[in-house]
Amino acid sequence: MTDEDLLLLKRIVSTPGVLGGKPRIDGTRVGVTHILEALAAGDTPDDIVESLPWLTHDDVRAALLYGAYHTQHPADAAE
């Protein structure tokens, strides 16, 4: 994992009582799952940022990276 990847992952937080403690973009109530499902449904990163203008393209990249990392390291998902 690169230094840039690590910086992107810092955008993802889990807070008890916010979205049930599920991973989300820091400073928002937008869950990683919401972004991944939008991409799976055919939305582009541009579509997501346009519909949720408080997000950035780096937020979308962070969600993708988080999903990819935790697919390979499922035990870390609880952190």
Protein backbone atom coordinates (compact mmCIF):
# COMPACT_ATOMS: atom_id res chain seq x y z
CA MET A 1 0.00 0.00 0.00
CA THR A 2 1.40 3.39 -0.97
CA ASP A 3 1.59 6.52 1.18
CA GLU A 4 -1.12 8.03 -1.01
CA ASP A 5 -3.35 5.02 -0.31
CA LEU A 6 -2.82 5.44 3.43
CA LEU A 7 -3.77 9.11 3.19
CA LEU A 8 -6.92 8.22 1.28
CA LEU A 9 -7.90 5.62 3.87
CA LYS A 10 -7.75 8.28 6.59
CA ARG A 11 -10.90 9.71 4.96
CA ILE A 12 -12.81 6.62 6.11
CA VAL A 13 -14.00 6.55 9.73
CA SER A 14 -16.32 4.47 11.86
CA THR A 15 -18.07 6.15 14.77
CA PRO A 16 -20.44 4.35 17.14
CA GLY A 17 -23.86 5.96 16.86
CA VAL A 18 -23.27 7.32 13.36
CA LEU A 19 -24.60 5.04 10.61
CA GLY A 20 -24.58 2.23 13.13
CA GLY A 21 -20.80 2.41 13.34
CA LYS A 22 -20.41 1.46 9.68
CA PRO A 23 -17.50 2.94 7.70
CA ARG A 24 -18.27 6.32 6.18
CA ILE A 25 -16.57 9.32 4.64
CA ASP A 26 -15.23 11.50 7.48
CA GLY A 27 -17.35 14.58 8.11
CA THR A 28 -20.37 13.10 6.33
CA ARG A 29 -23.08 10.51 6.83
CA VAL A 30 -22.25 8.92 3.48
CA GLY A 31 -21.35 5.29 4.00
CA VAL A 32 -18.70 3.44 2.05
CA THR A 33 -21.41 0.93 1.10
CA HIS A 34 -23.53 3.71 -0.42
CA ILE A 35 -20.67 4.73 -2.71
CA LEU A 36 -19.78 1.15 -3.66
CA GLU A 37 -23.42 0.32 -4.43
CA ALA A 38 -23.74 3.44 -6.59
CA LEU A 39 -20.66 2.43 -8.56
CA ALA A 40 -21.95 -1.14 -8.91
CA ALA A 41 -25.24 0.25 -10.23
CA GLY A 42 -23.35 2.02 -13.01
CA ASP A 43 -22.85 5.48 -11.56
CA THR A 44 -19.50 7.05 -12.32
CA PRO A 45 -17.40 8.92 -9.77
CA ASP A 46 -18.50 12.10 -11.55
CA ASP A 47 -22.16 11.10 -11.06
CA ILE A 48 -21.59 10.51 -7.35
CA VAL A 49 -19.78 13.81 -6.79
CA GLU A 50 -22.46 15.63 -8.78
CA SER A 51 -25.29 14.12 -6.73
CA LEU A 52 -23.42 14.50 -3.41
CA PRO A 53 -21.45 17.72 -3.94
CA TRP A 54 -19.90 17.65 -0.47
CA LEU A 55 -17.91 14.60 -1.61
CA THR A 56 -14.76 14.74 -3.70
CA HIS A 57 -13.33 12.34 -6.22
CA ASP A 58 -10.75 11.40 -3.59
CA ASP A 59 -13.60 10.41 -1.25
CA VAL A 60 -14.91 8.06 -3.93
CA ARG A 61 -11.42 6.66 -4.46
CA ALA A 62 -11.06 6.18 -0.71
CA ALA A 63 -14.30 4.18 -0.60
CA LEU A 64 -13.09 1.97 -3.44
CA LEU A 65 -9.72 1.46 -1.80
CA TYR A 66 -11.39 0.64 1.52
CA GLY A 67 -13.62 -1.94 -0.15
CA ALA A 68 -10.71 -3.48 -2.04
CA TYR A 69 -8.47 -3.61 1.01
CA HIS A 70 -11.10 -5.15 3.27
CA THR A 71 -11.94 -7.76 0.66
CA GLN A 72 -8.33 -8.93 0.91
CA HIS A 73 -8.06 -8.38 4.70
CA PRO A 74 -11.54 -9.03 6.15
CA ALA A 75 -10.31 -9.25 9.75
CA ASP A 76 -9.21 -5.59 9.53
CA ALA A 77 -12.74 -4.43 8.68
CA ALA A 78 -13.65 -4.36 12.36
CA GLU A 79 -10.99 -1.72 13.06
